[in-house]
Amino acid sequence: GAAIGTVATEVSIMLAGYGMIYRSTHIRPNLRLLGKALFASCSMGIVVYLLRDANIVVAFLVGTVVYLGVAYVIRLISKKDLQNLLPGKEDA
């Protein structure tokens, strides 16, 4: 119950935020980009759920790799974005 309430609240806040942004800027949110992010997040969530009995650090690391991998495959993020996440890399 609490998880559903939290998700419903967050979705309501997101929609209200989009409404305020649109009224101020007349820029529509990119729903395709939102869909890709949602897909990558759900993919990560499924994998982390399957690893619920594993060490939390392992689940976190695997979840991070899955999210970034899926985001790259569906072109949510670019190769340059991934390279900028590496330590010691400067923004070029």
C-alpha atoms as a PDB file:
ATOM      1  CA  GLY A   1       0.000   0.000   0.000  1.00  0.00           C
ATOM      2  CA  ALA A   2       2.694   2.503   0.968  1.00  0.00           C
ATOM      3  CA  ALA A   3       4.733   1.834  -2.191  1.00  0.00           C
ATOM      4  CA  ILE A   4       1.694   2.392  -4.413  1.00  0.00           C
ATOM      5  CA  GLY A   5       0.880   5.594  -2.557  1.00  0.00           C
ATOM      6  CA  THR A   6       4.440   6.827  -2.961  1.00  0.00           C
ATOM      7  CA  VAL A   7       4.476   6.086  -6.697  1.00  0.00           C
ATOM      8  CA  ALA A   8       1.075   7.750  -7.168  1.00  0.00           C
ATOM      9  CA  THR A   9       2.275  10.834  -5.302  1.00  0.00           C
ATOM     10  CA  GLU A  10       5.493  11.048  -7.301  1.00  0.00           C
ATOM     11  CA  VAL A  11       3.623  10.674 -10.612  1.00  0.00           C
ATOM     12  CA  SER A  12       1.211  13.428  -9.538  1.00  0.00           C
ATOM     13  CA  ILE A  13       4.111  15.724  -8.657  1.00  0.00           C
ATOM     14  CA  MET A  14       5.821  14.934 -11.975  1.00  0.00           C
ATOM     15  CA  LEU A  15       2.677  15.717 -13.976  1.00  0.00           C
ATOM     16  CA  ALA A  16       2.119  18.963 -12.063  1.00  0.00           C
ATOM     17  CA  GLY A  17       5.752  19.921 -12.714  1.00  0.00           C
ATOM     18  CA  TYR A  18       5.397  19.233 -16.418  1.00  0.00           C
ATOM     19  CA  GLY A  19       2.240  21.343 -16.448  1.00  0.00           C
ATOM     20  CA  MET A  20       4.015  24.275 -14.804  1.00  0.00           C
ATOM     21  CA  ILE A  21       6.978  23.993 -17.156  1.00  0.00           C
ATOM     22  CA  TYR A  22       4.715  23.901 -20.202  1.00  0.00           C
ATOM     23  CA  ARG A  23       2.689  26.926 -19.063  1.00  0.00           C
ATOM     24  CA  SER A  24       5.897  28.919 -18.527  1.00  0.00           C
ATOM     25  CA  THR A  25       7.924  27.801 -21.542  1.00  0.00           C
ATOM     26  CA  HIS A  26       5.459  26.172 -23.988  1.00  0.00           C
ATOM     27  CA  ILE A  27       7.987  23.354 -24.318  1.00  0.00           C
ATOM     28  CA  ARG A  28       6.471  19.890 -24.341  1.00  0.00           C
ATOM     29  CA  PRO A  29       8.254  17.102 -22.455  1.00  0.00           C
ATOM     30  CA  ASN A  30       9.943  14.494 -24.622  1.00  0.00           C
ATOM     31  CA  LEU A  31       7.763  11.463 -23.908  1.00  0.00           C
ATOM     32  CA  ARG A  32       9.974   9.199 -26.027  1.00  0.00           C
ATOM     33  CA  LEU A  33      12.934  10.040 -23.794  1.00  0.00           C
ATOM     34  CA  LEU A  34      10.786   9.473 -20.717  1.00  0.00           C
ATOM     35  CA  GLY A  35       9.715   6.076 -22.081  1.00  0.00           C
ATOM     36  CA  LYS A  36      13.320   5.055 -22.689  1.00  0.00           C
ATOM     37  CA  ALA A  37      14.328   6.072 -19.170  1.00  0.00           C
ATOM     38  CA  LEU A  38      11.362   4.162 -17.756  1.00  0.00           C
ATOM     39  CA  PHE A  39      12.314   1.062 -19.755  1.00  0.00           C
ATOM     40  CA  ALA A  40      15.946   1.194 -18.557  1.00  0.00           C
ATOM     41  CA  SER A  41      14.780   1.736 -14.967  1.00  0.00           C
ATOM     42  CA  CYS A  42      12.319  -1.170 -15.086  1.00  0.00           C
ATOM     43  CA  SER A  43      14.996  -3.429 -16.577  1.00  0.00           C
ATOM     44  CA  MET A  44      17.318  -2.538 -13.724  1.00  0.00           C
ATOM     45  CA  GLY A  45      14.545  -2.983 -11.182  1.00  0.00           C
ATOM     46  CA  ILE A  46      13.738  -6.492 -12.404  1.00  0.00           C
ATOM     47  CA  VAL A  47      17.387  -7.543 -12.205  1.00  0.00           C
ATOM     48  CA  VAL A  48      17.843  -6.023  -8.732  1.00  0.00           C
ATOM     49  CA  TYR A  49      14.646  -7.748  -7.589  1.00  0.00           C
ATOM     50  CA  LEU A  50      15.988 -11.072  -8.838  1.00  0.00           C
ATOM     51  CA  LEU A  51      19.156 -10.386  -6.827  1.00  0.00           C
ATOM     52  CA  ARG A  52      17.226  -9.516  -3.657  1.00  0.00           C
ATOM     53  CA  ASP A  53      18.931 -12.314  -1.723  1.00  0.00           C
ATOM     54  CA  ALA A  54      22.409 -11.323  -2.914  1.00  0.00           C
ATOM     55  CA  ASN A  55      24.787  -8.943  -1.188  1.00  0.00           C
ATOM     56  CA  ILE A  56      23.461  -5.362  -1.440  1.00  0.00           C
ATOM     57  CA  VAL A  57      26.728  -4.133  -2.971  1.00  0.00           C
ATOM     58  CA  VAL A  58      26.555  -6.819  -5.674  1.00  0.00           C
ATOM     59  CA  ALA A  59      22.915  -5.968  -6.406  1.00  0.00           C
ATOM     60  CA  PHE A  60      23.784  -2.263  -6.620  1.00  0.00           C
ATOM     61  CA  LEU A  61      26.738  -2.811  -8.950  1.00  0.00           C
ATOM     62  CA  VAL A  62      24.870  -5.232 -11.208  1.00  0.00           C
ATOM     63  CA  GLY A  63      21.866  -2.888 -11.273  1.00  0.00           C
ATOM     64  CA  THR A  64      24.085   0.021 -12.275  1.00  0.00           C
ATOM     65  CA  VAL A  65      25.675  -1.975 -15.098  1.00  0.00           C
ATOM     66  CA  VAL A  66      22.261  -3.173 -16.316  1.00  0.00           C
ATOM     67  CA  TYR A  67      20.823   0.364 -16.303  1.00  0.00           C
ATOM     68  CA  LEU A  68      23.790   1.846 -18.156  1.00  0.00           C
ATOM     69  CA  GLY A  69      23.913  -1.075 -20.593  1.00  0.00           C
ATOM     70  CA  VAL A  70      20.223  -0.896 -21.443  1.00  0.00           C
ATOM     71  CA  ALA A  71      20.361   2.911 -21.636  1.00  0.00           C
ATOM     72  CA  TYR A  72      23.247   2.644 -24.114  1.00  0.00           C
ATOM     73  CA  VAL A  73      21.596  -0.065 -26.234  1.00  0.00           C
ATOM     74  CA  ILE A  74      18.334   1.896 -26.573  1.00  0.00           C
ATOM     75  CA  ARG A  75      20.327   5.090 -27.221  1.00  0.00           C
ATOM     76  CA  LEU A  76      19.199   6.890 -24.102  1.00  0.00           C
ATOM     77  CA  ILE A  77      22.848   7.743 -23.440  1.00  0.00           C
ATOM     78  CA  SER A  78      25.781   7.952 -25.838  1.00  0.00           C
ATOM     79  CA  LYS A  79      29.225   6.393 -25.795  1.00  0.00           C
ATOM     80  CA  LYS A  80      30.616   9.806 -24.855  1.00  0.00           C
ATOM     81  CA  ASP A  81      28.220   9.963 -21.889  1.00  0.00           C
ATOM     82  CA  LEU A  82      29.501   6.592 -20.688  1.00  0.00           C
ATOM     83  CA  GLN A  83      33.115   7.680 -21.117  1.00  0.00           C
ATOM     84  CA  ASN A  84      32.444  10.823 -19.069  1.00  0.00           C
ATOM     85  CA  LEU A  85      31.331   8.608 -16.171  1.00  0.00           C
ATOM     86  CA  LEU A  86      34.775   7.016 -15.955  1.00  0.00           C
ATOM     87  CA  PRO A  87      37.113   8.377 -13.286  1.00  0.00           C
ATOM     88  CA  GLY A  88      39.797  10.761 -14.502  1.00  0.00           C
ATOM     89  CA  LYS A  89      37.872  11.807 -17.614  1.00  0.00           C
ATOM     90  CA  GLU A  90      37.404  15.504 -18.214  1.00  0.00           C
ATOM     91  CA  ASP A  91      34.350  16.907 -19.986  1.00  0.00           C
ATOM     92  CA  ALA A  92      35.478  17.468 -23.542  1.00  0.00           C
END
